[in-house]
Protein backbone atom coordinates (compact mmCIF):
# COMPACT_ATOMS: atom_id res chain seq x y z
CA UNK A 1 -7.58 -22.74 -17.32
CA UNK A 2 -3.64 -21.55 -16.46
CA UNK A 3 -0.89 -23.22 -16.45
CA UNK A 4 1.99 -22.68 -14.18
CA UNK A 5 5.83 -22.72 -14.22
CA UNK A 6 5.29 -26.23 -12.68
CA UNK A 7 2.52 -27.41 -14.53
CA UNK A 8 0.06 -26.60 -11.76
CA UNK A 9 -3.49 -25.59 -13.09
CA UNK A 10 -3.61 -23.57 -9.63
CA UNK A 11 -2.10 -19.85 -9.28
CA UNK A 12 0.91 -19.80 -7.13
CA UNK A 13 1.22 -17.02 -4.71
CA UNK A 14 3.47 -15.68 -2.55
CA UNK A 15 2.26 -13.09 -0.08
CA UNK A 16 4.49 -10.40 1.69
CA UNK A 17 3.17 -9.01 4.68
CA UNK A 18 0.92 -11.98 5.69
CA UNK A 19 -0.06 -11.13 9.50
CA UNK A 20 -1.19 -7.56 8.26
CA UNK A 21 -4.85 -6.36 7.58
CA UNK A 22 -4.24 -6.80 4.00
CA UNK A 23 -2.74 -10.04 4.34
CA UNK A 24 -5.61 -11.05 6.37
CA UNK A 25 -7.92 -10.41 4.12
CA UNK A 26 -6.04 -11.86 0.89
CA UNK A 27 -5.93 -15.10 3.19
CA UNK A 28 -9.95 -15.03 3.23
CA UNK A 29 -10.36 -14.52 -0.82
CA UNK A 30 -7.42 -17.56 -1.43
CA UNK A 31 -9.33 -19.85 1.11
CA UNK A 32 -13.11 -18.98 -0.68
CA UNK A 33 -11.03 -20.20 -3.98
CA UNK A 34 -8.71 -23.00 -2.76
CA UNK A 35 -9.28 -24.78 -5.94
CA UNK A 36 -7.72 -21.54 -8.16
CA UNK A 37 -4.97 -20.51 -6.03
CA UNK A 38 -2.09 -22.09 -3.83
CA UNK A 39 -0.27 -20.23 -1.22
CA UNK A 40 3.27 -20.81 -1.81
CA UNK A 41 5.17 -18.40 0.57
CA UNK A 42 4.19 -16.01 2.94
CA UNK A 43 5.92 -13.90 4.79
CA UNK A 44 6.09 -11.43 8.11
CA UNK A 45 8.70 -8.74 10.48
CA UNK A 46 8.27 -10.06 13.77
CA UNK A 47 4.31 -11.56 14.17
CA UNK A 48 5.28 -15.24 15.43
CA UNK A 49 2.01 -16.40 16.61
CA UNK A 50 0.06 -14.64 13.60
CA UNK A 51 2.37 -16.48 11.03
CA UNK A 52 2.62 -19.94 12.54
CA UNK A 53 -1.40 -19.84 12.30
CA UNK A 54 -1.75 -19.17 8.97
CA UNK A 55 1.04 -21.98 7.87
CA UNK A 56 -1.47 -24.39 10.31
CA UNK A 57 -4.32 -23.52 8.08
CA UNK A 58 -2.70 -22.98 4.52
CA UNK A 59 0.79 -25.25 4.69
CA UNK A 60 2.52 -23.03 2.09
CA UNK A 61 6.15 -24.50 1.26
CA UNK A 62 8.01 -21.73 2.67
CA UNK A 63 7.41 -18.94 5.35
CA UNK A 64 9.74 -16.06 6.17
CA UNK A 65 10.29 -13.83 9.11
CA UNK A 66 12.35 -10.90 8.28
CA UNK A 67 13.34 -10.35 12.00
CA UNK A 68 16.59 -12.74 13.26
CA UNK A 69 15.34 -13.73 16.59
CA UNK A 70 11.66 -14.00 16.20
CA UNK A 71 12.54 -16.23 12.97
CA UNK A 72 14.37 -18.59 15.47
CA UNK A 73 11.65 -18.70 17.74
CA UNK A 74 9.35 -19.31 14.63
CA UNK A 75 11.35 -22.17 13.16
CA UNK A 76 11.26 -23.77 16.70
CA UNK A 77 7.67 -23.65 16.61
CA UNK A 78 7.24 -25.19 13.58
CA UNK A 79 9.14 -28.19 13.82
CA UNK A 80 7.53 -28.49 17.23
CA UNK A 81 4.30 -28.60 15.41
CA UNK A 82 5.68 -31.39 12.58
CA UNK A 83 5.00 -28.88 9.99
CA UNK A 84 5.87 -28.94 6.56
CA UNK A 85 6.73 -25.55 6.02
CA UNK A 86 10.73 -24.41 5.45
CA UNK A 87 11.35 -21.52 7.41
CA UNK A 88 13.60 -18.93 6.14
CA UNK A 89 15.10 -16.01 8.10
CA UNK A 90 16.22 -12.71 7.54
CA UNK A 91 15.20 -10.12 4.50
CA UNK A 92 17.13 -11.30 1.94
CA UNK A 93 14.82 -14.64 2.42
CA UNK A 94 12.15 -11.79 1.36
CA UNK A 95 13.45 -11.20 -2.14
CA UNK A 96 14.03 -15.31 -2.77
CA UNK A 97 10.60 -16.28 -2.20
CA UNK A 98 8.90 -13.64 -4.62
CA UNK A 99 11.05 -15.21 -7.47
CA UNK A 100 10.10 -18.70 -6.80
CA UNK A 101 9.21 -20.69 -9.98
CA UNK A 102 6.19 -22.06 -8.65
CA UNK A 103 5.11 -18.48 -7.64
CA UNK A 104 2.89 -16.85 -10.41
CA UNK A 105 1.39 -13.64 -7.95
CA UNK A 106 2.68 -11.77 -5.70
CA UNK A 107 0.89 -9.69 -3.47
CA UNK A 108 2.82 -6.82 -2.15
CA UNK A 109 0.89 -6.07 1.55
CA UNK A 110 4.08 -4.98 3.58
CA UNK A 111 3.62 -1.85 5.10
CA UNK A 112 6.36 0.96 4.05
CA UNK A 113 9.57 1.19 2.70
CA UNK A 114 10.15 -2.05 3.67
CA UNK A 115 8.62 -3.56 0.97
CA UNK A 116 9.96 -1.46 -2.01
CA UNK A 117 13.28 -4.38 -2.23
CA UNK A 118 10.82 -7.66 -2.30
CA UNK A 119 8.50 -6.18 -4.51
CA UNK A 120 11.19 -4.52 -6.76
CA UNK A 121 12.64 -8.07 -7.16
CA UNK A 122 9.24 -9.59 -8.07
CA UNK A 123 8.68 -6.68 -11.03
CA UNK A 124 12.41 -7.06 -12.17
CA UNK A 125 11.32 -11.20 -12.69
CA UNK A 126 8.24 -10.31 -14.78
CA UNK A 127 5.75 -11.84 -11.85
CA UNK A 128 2.14 -10.56 -11.67
CA UNK A 129 2.21 -7.77 -9.14
CA UNK A 130 -0.73 -7.26 -6.84
CA UNK A 131 0.66 -3.58 -5.46
CA UNK A 132 -0.93 -3.03 -1.63
CA UNK A 133 2.58 -1.38 -0.99
CA UNK A 134 2.33 2.55 -2.31
CA UNK A 135 5.52 3.23 -0.89
CA UNK A 136 7.51 1.02 -3.47
CA UNK A 137 5.86 3.95 -6.05
CA UNK A 138 6.48 6.80 -4.27
CA UNK A 139 10.42 6.13 -3.47
CA UNK A 140 11.05 4.46 -6.56
CA UNK A 141 8.41 5.49 -9.25
CA UNK A 142 10.60 5.93 -12.37
CA UNK A 143 11.94 2.84 -11.64
CA UNK A 144 9.91 0.80 -10.56
CA UNK A 145 7.69 1.36 -13.36
CA UNK A 146 10.90 1.17 -15.97
CA UNK A 147 11.39 -2.56 -14.30
CA UNK A 148 8.01 -3.32 -15.22
CA UNK A 149 8.04 -2.33 -18.63
CA UNK A 150 11.67 -4.37 -19.46
CA UNK A 151 10.36 -7.40 -17.70
CA UNK A 152 7.03 -7.18 -18.52
CA UNK A 153 6.09 -7.93 -15.36
CA UNK A 154 1.83 -7.08 -14.49
CA UNK A 155 1.24 -4.47 -12.08
CA UNK A 156 -2.15 -4.70 -10.54
CA UNK A 157 -2.88 -1.81 -8.14
CA UNK A 158 -4.99 -3.14 -4.63
CA UNK A 159 -5.58 0.08 -3.05
CA UNK A 160 -9.31 0.59 -3.23
CA UNK A 161 -8.57 3.66 -4.90
CA UNK A 162 -6.05 2.44 -7.51
CA UNK A 163 -8.04 -0.64 -7.82
CA UNK A 164 -11.46 1.88 -8.68
CA UNK A 165 -9.32 4.15 -11.28
CA UNK A 166 -8.03 1.27 -12.68
CA UNK A 167 -11.41 -0.87 -13.25
CA UNK A 168 -12.44 2.78 -14.39
CA UNK A 169 -10.19 2.60 -17.41
CA UNK A 170 -10.64 1.43 -20.81
CA UNK A 171 -10.43 -2.61 -21.31
CA UNK A 172 -6.99 -2.79 -22.70
CA UNK A 173 -5.61 -0.15 -20.26
CA UNK A 174 -1.79 -0.94 -19.63
CA UNK A 175 -0.91 0.32 -16.07
CA UNK A 176 1.97 3.31 -16.17
CA UNK A 177 0.38 4.70 -19.16
CA UNK A 178 -1.91 7.30 -19.57
CA UNK A 179 -4.96 6.45 -21.15
CA UNK A 180 -6.25 8.31 -24.17
CA UNK A 181 -9.50 10.41 -23.48
CA UNK A 182 -8.94 10.84 -19.77
CA UNK A 183 -9.10 14.65 -18.78
CA UNK A 184 -8.33 14.04 -15.15
CA UNK A 185 -8.65 11.42 -11.85
CA UNK A 186 -11.21 11.82 -9.14
CA UNK A 187 -9.16 10.13 -6.11
CA UNK A 188 -11.60 9.65 -3.29
CA UNK A 189 -10.44 10.26 0.23
CA UNK A 190 -12.73 9.34 3.73
CA UNK A 191 -11.28 12.70 4.98
CA UNK A 192 -10.71 10.14 8.11
CA UNK A 193 -11.62 10.48 12.25
CA UNK A 194 -11.20 14.09 12.43
CA UNK A 195 -12.66 15.78 9.00
CA UNK A 196 -14.76 18.07 10.92
CA UNK A 197 -12.06 18.96 13.80
CA UNK A 198 -10.89 22.21 14.18
CA UNK A 199 -7.03 23.08 13.95
CA UNK A 200 -6.97 23.57 17.94
CA UNK A 201 -9.06 20.38 18.45
CA UNK A 202 -5.96 18.51 17.26
CA UNK A 203 -3.59 19.52 19.33
CA UNK A 204 -4.20 16.55 22.15
CA UNK A 205 -5.16 13.73 20.03
CA UNK A 206 -4.13 10.25 21.47
CA UNK A 207 -2.97 7.64 18.88
CA UNK A 208 -6.00 5.75 20.15
CA UNK A 209 -8.38 8.19 18.65
CA UNK A 210 -6.14 8.32 15.23
CA UNK A 211 -6.24 4.91 14.41
CA UNK A 212 -10.16 4.34 14.85
CA UNK A 213 -10.95 5.17 11.68
CA UNK A 214 -14.58 5.68 10.61
CA UNK A 215 -15.01 3.10 7.65
CA UNK A 216 -12.06 0.89 7.40
CA UNK A 217 -10.30 -1.42 9.49
CA UNK A 218 -6.48 -1.02 8.87
CA UNK A 219 -3.17 -1.59 10.78
CA UNK A 220 -2.09 1.29 13.31
CA UNK A 221 0.66 3.19 11.06
CA UNK A 222 -1.97 3.24 7.70
CA UNK A 223 -4.66 4.59 10.20
CA UNK A 224 -2.36 7.11 11.46
CA UNK A 225 -1.53 7.88 7.59
CA UNK A 226 -5.58 8.22 7.07
CA UNK A 227 -6.00 10.74 10.07
CA UNK A 228 -3.43 13.20 8.76
CA UNK A 229 -4.29 12.20 5.11
CA UNK A 230 -0.40 12.08 4.13
CA UNK A 231 -2.01 8.43 3.00
CA UNK A 232 -4.00 9.99 0.19
CA UNK A 233 -0.85 12.23 -0.56
CA UNK A 234 1.33 9.01 -1.01
CA UNK A 235 -1.72 7.03 -2.92
CA UNK A 236 -1.76 10.80 -4.82
CA UNK A 237 1.75 10.07 -5.89
CA UNK A 238 1.11 6.50 -6.25
CA UNK A 239 -1.69 7.25 -8.84
CA UNK A 240 0.60 9.69 -10.88
CA UNK A 241 2.79 6.88 -11.02
CA UNK A 242 0.71 4.24 -11.65
CA UNK A 243 -1.62 6.19 -14.19
CA UNK A 244 0.78 8.52 -16.17
CA UNK A 245 -0.34 12.03 -15.36
CA UNK A 246 1.01 14.76 -12.85
CA UNK A 247 -0.22 15.95 -9.68
CA UNK A 248 -2.58 18.75 -11.37
CA UNK A 249 -4.55 16.09 -13.02
CA UNK A 250 -5.35 14.40 -9.71
CA UNK A 251 -8.11 16.41 -7.81
CA UNK A 252 -8.83 14.84 -4.20
CA UNK A 253 -12.40 14.85 -3.48
CA UNK A 254 -13.28 14.09 0.36
CA UNK A 255 -15.96 11.53 0.27
CA UNK A 256 -17.13 10.53 3.79
CA UNK A 257 -19.14 7.52 2.93
CA UNK A 258 -16.10 5.96 1.15
CA UNK A 259 -18.67 3.96 -1.02
CA UNK A 260 -17.34 5.38 -4.12
CA UNK A 261 -13.43 4.63 -4.11
CA UNK A 262 -12.55 6.72 -7.39
CA UNK A 263 -13.63 8.40 -10.65
CA UNK A 264 -11.97 8.76 -13.95
CA UNK A 265 -13.31 11.85 -15.58
CA UNK A 266 -13.19 11.56 -19.65
CA UNK A 267 -13.05 14.23 -22.32
CA UNK A 268 -16.48 13.74 -23.45
CA UNK A 269 -17.76 14.46 -20.10
CA UNK A 270 -18.03 11.09 -18.93
CA UNK A 271 -17.21 10.12 -15.41
CA UNK A 272 -17.00 6.71 -14.49
CA UNK A 273 -17.03 5.90 -10.83
CA UNK A 274 -16.64 2.29 -8.96
CA UNK A 275 -18.49 1.89 -6.31
CA UNK A 276 -18.59 -1.12 -3.13
CA UNK A 277 -18.54 -1.39 0.35
CA UNK A 278 -15.69 -0.15 2.26
CA UNK A 279 -14.05 -4.04 2.45
CA UNK A 280 -10.49 -4.70 0.96
CA UNK A 281 -11.72 -8.15 -0.20
CA UNK A 282 -12.93 -6.37 -3.12
CA UNK A 283 -9.65 -4.81 -4.88
CA UNK A 284 -7.74 -7.85 -3.76
CA UNK A 285 -10.40 -10.14 -5.76
CA UNK A 286 -10.42 -8.10 -8.39
CA UNK A 287 -6.93 -8.12 -8.71
CA UNK A 288 -6.05 -11.49 -8.01
CA UNK A 289 -8.75 -12.74 -10.50
CA UNK A 290 -8.16 -9.88 -13.46
CA UNK A 291 -9.72 -9.73 -15.94
CA UNK A 292 -12.35 -12.29 -14.53
CA UNK A 293 -13.78 -11.67 -11.49
CA UNK A 294 -14.36 -13.74 -9.01
CA UNK A 295 -16.76 -13.34 -5.27
CA UNK A 296 -14.60 -11.75 -2.85
CA UNK A 297 -17.34 -12.72 0.15
CA UNK A 298 -18.22 -8.71 0.16
CA UNK A 299 -21.90 -8.03 1.18
CA UNK A 300 -23.54 -6.31 -2.21
CA UNK A 301 -23.87 -2.72 -1.83
CA UNK A 302 -27.41 -1.68 -0.57
CA UNK A 303 -27.87 1.84 -2.09
CA UNK A 304 -31.30 3.09 -0.92
CA UNK A 305 -30.12 2.23 2.47
CA UNK A 306 -27.20 4.84 2.29
CA UNK A 307 -29.76 7.09 0.47
CA UNK A 308 -27.12 10.01 0.42
CA UNK A 309 -23.54 10.24 -1.05
CA UNK A 310 -21.13 13.71 0.16
CA UNK A 311 -18.40 15.02 -1.54
CA UNK A 312 -16.17 18.20 -0.78
CA UNK A 313 -12.96 19.32 -1.16
CA UNK A 314 -9.84 18.82 1.32
CA UNK A 315 -8.63 21.27 3.70
CA UNK A 316 -5.01 21.93 3.06
CA UNK A 317 -4.37 23.94 5.94
CA UNK A 318 -6.05 21.23 8.55
CA UNK A 319 -4.22 18.54 6.68
CA UNK A 320 -0.76 19.64 5.70
CA UNK A 321 0.31 16.38 4.66
CA UNK A 322 -1.49 16.47 1.51
CA UNK A 323 0.45 20.48 0.49
CA UNK A 324 3.63 18.42 1.20
CA UNK A 325 3.00 15.22 -0.89
CA UNK A 326 2.05 17.98 -3.37
CA UNK A 327 5.58 19.52 -2.71
CA UNK A 328 7.23 16.55 -2.97
CA UNK A 329 6.17 15.16 -6.31
CA UNK A 330 6.89 18.83 -7.87
CA UNK A 331 10.20 18.61 -6.42
CA UNK A 332 10.99 15.35 -7.88
CA UNK A 333 14.16 13.08 -7.81
CA UNK A 334 14.31 11.56 -4.32
CA UNK A 335 11.98 14.38 -2.27
CA UNK A 336 8.63 11.49 -2.25
CA UNK A 337 11.34 9.01 -1.05
CA UNK A 338 12.32 11.94 2.42
CA UNK A 339 8.36 12.30 2.71
CA UNK A 340 7.96 8.63 3.63
CA UNK A 341 10.90 8.18 5.49
CA UNK A 342 9.97 11.25 7.45
CA UNK A 343 6.79 10.28 7.77
CA UNK A 344 7.11 6.79 8.36
CA UNK A 345 9.50 7.94 11.55
CA UNK A 346 7.16 10.44 12.83
CA UNK A 347 3.85 8.65 12.79
CA UNK A 348 6.13 5.48 15.02
CA UNK A 349 7.42 8.82 17.31
CA UNK A 350 3.54 9.55 17.37
CA UNK A 351 2.63 6.35 18.16
CA UNK A 352 5.05 5.64 20.61
CA UNK A 353 4.04 9.46 22.38
CA UNK A 354 7.30 10.77 21.66
CA UNK A 355 5.71 13.43 19.86
CA UNK A 356 2.16 14.97 19.16
CA UNK A 357 -0.05 14.42 16.36
CA UNK A 358 0.25 17.72 14.51
CA UNK A 359 3.89 17.68 15.11
CA UNK A 360 3.83 14.82 12.49
CA UNK A 361 3.47 17.28 9.22
CA UNK A 362 6.19 19.58 11.33
CA UNK A 363 8.73 16.88 11.14
CA UNK A 364 8.31 15.95 7.38
CA UNK A 365 8.06 19.67 6.55
CA UNK A 366 11.13 20.15 8.63
CA UNK A 367 13.18 17.16 6.57
CA UNK A 368 12.21 17.79 3.10
CA UNK A 369 13.36 21.90 4.16
CA UNK A 370 16.65 20.05 5.46
CA UNK A 371 17.64 17.10 3.27
CA UNK A 372 19.30 17.53 -0.46
CA UNK A 373 17.40 15.80 -2.84
CA UNK A 374 18.83 14.20 -5.36
CA UNK A 375 17.72 12.29 -8.97
CA UNK A 376 16.25 9.11 -8.26
CA UNK A 377 17.58 7.38 -10.83
CA UNK A 378 19.58 5.20 -8.87
CA UNK A 379 18.17 2.73 -6.36
CA UNK A 380 21.60 3.38 -4.00
CA UNK A 381 21.16 7.01 -3.96
CA UNK A 382 17.13 6.55 -3.52
CA UNK A 383 17.53 4.33 -0.01
CA UNK A 384 20.76 6.50 1.24
CA UNK A 385 18.26 9.93 0.90
CA UNK A 386 16.19 7.44 2.53
CA UNK A 387 18.18 6.77 5.18
CA UNK A 388 19.34 10.45 5.95
CA UNK A 389 15.85 11.64 6.15
CA UNK A 390 15.02 9.13 8.90
CA UNK A 391 18.65 10.16 10.87
CA UNK A 392 17.19 13.46 10.57
CA UNK A 393 13.86 13.07 12.08
CA UNK A 394 15.37 11.22 14.97
CA UNK A 395 17.55 13.94 15.59
CA UNK A 396 15.10 16.12 15.32
CA UNK A 397 12.56 14.67 17.95
CA UNK A 398 15.90 13.97 19.96
CA UNK A 399 16.26 17.75 20.19
CA UNK A 400 12.68 18.33 20.97
CA UNK A 401 12.49 16.55 24.06
């Protein structure tokens, strides 16, 4: 039995992004294994009610609201209820709770670039990091992997595809390296809700249509990314960093049933696949308990009921964001950070009905063409280029009105 820094036999967990979809799945797994894991800290951006309910049930030591105004409301709510959870407010507090002595595991479930700094802080302090925030690696892959190697932090991927790849790697595999004998990675994608749509049919897509994913329950931003397949483009870049490969070593395969979560093709002709029902509790439980396995609450896979599994190549013309992600990786430096920043602003504009669905890729393409790419060896430079890309897209959208 493992004992943490404060002498407890339970592993202390810090959950970044506790009120999102990944956060909810993580909490469900933790609820099933309260004898092994203790929730030390939880964070959210603005969701006062959601975080309050979590604190009521789990009674963590700390709770953080990044938004200052919401944080004060949250503190009043906690005090009025007589809960003992200490409330911290502001983005600096996100970093502070990741490095607490009694935190052994940091689950990075914040969506978007906002997750970069707290996740990187946890890595620098040698924590076991369960990585569901793909943007941290997309934006600062070299710095991120280098920090993990220097600190001894253990990176375990939680995205269903990357977790599947990790499970198919050799038993002694260390994230960030290319495993011997691996020929290529087959990164699966559901294709989202518009896989069979003609390009003209995508012009009038609404936010609600884009958020209606056929297989997965996700937040609205990630659902739109799945619909444009930018999510798969970001996962492609993330996979390159996690598994020490280039984009030419990774094939994206459309698999509508979302049962095979990804595959690893070895030099000897063997292809290893990880299968399971589309439920994020499976990769979360796997990463949380690795190298052991624990019950996740997910129903067993019924293969006879499935009857058939389908595969096809992605259409890079219909889903331009895939090509843009390829281009960003090949450009190197801060190009992936620019890609991600432009996409976040464009998706937000689409969800608020300021631009059309197809304009998302237009915005990203324009930003990548207009913003200068620099070496990504300095965090300040990465954050500067992220900011410039966001400013460019805001001005671009304003000019389109």
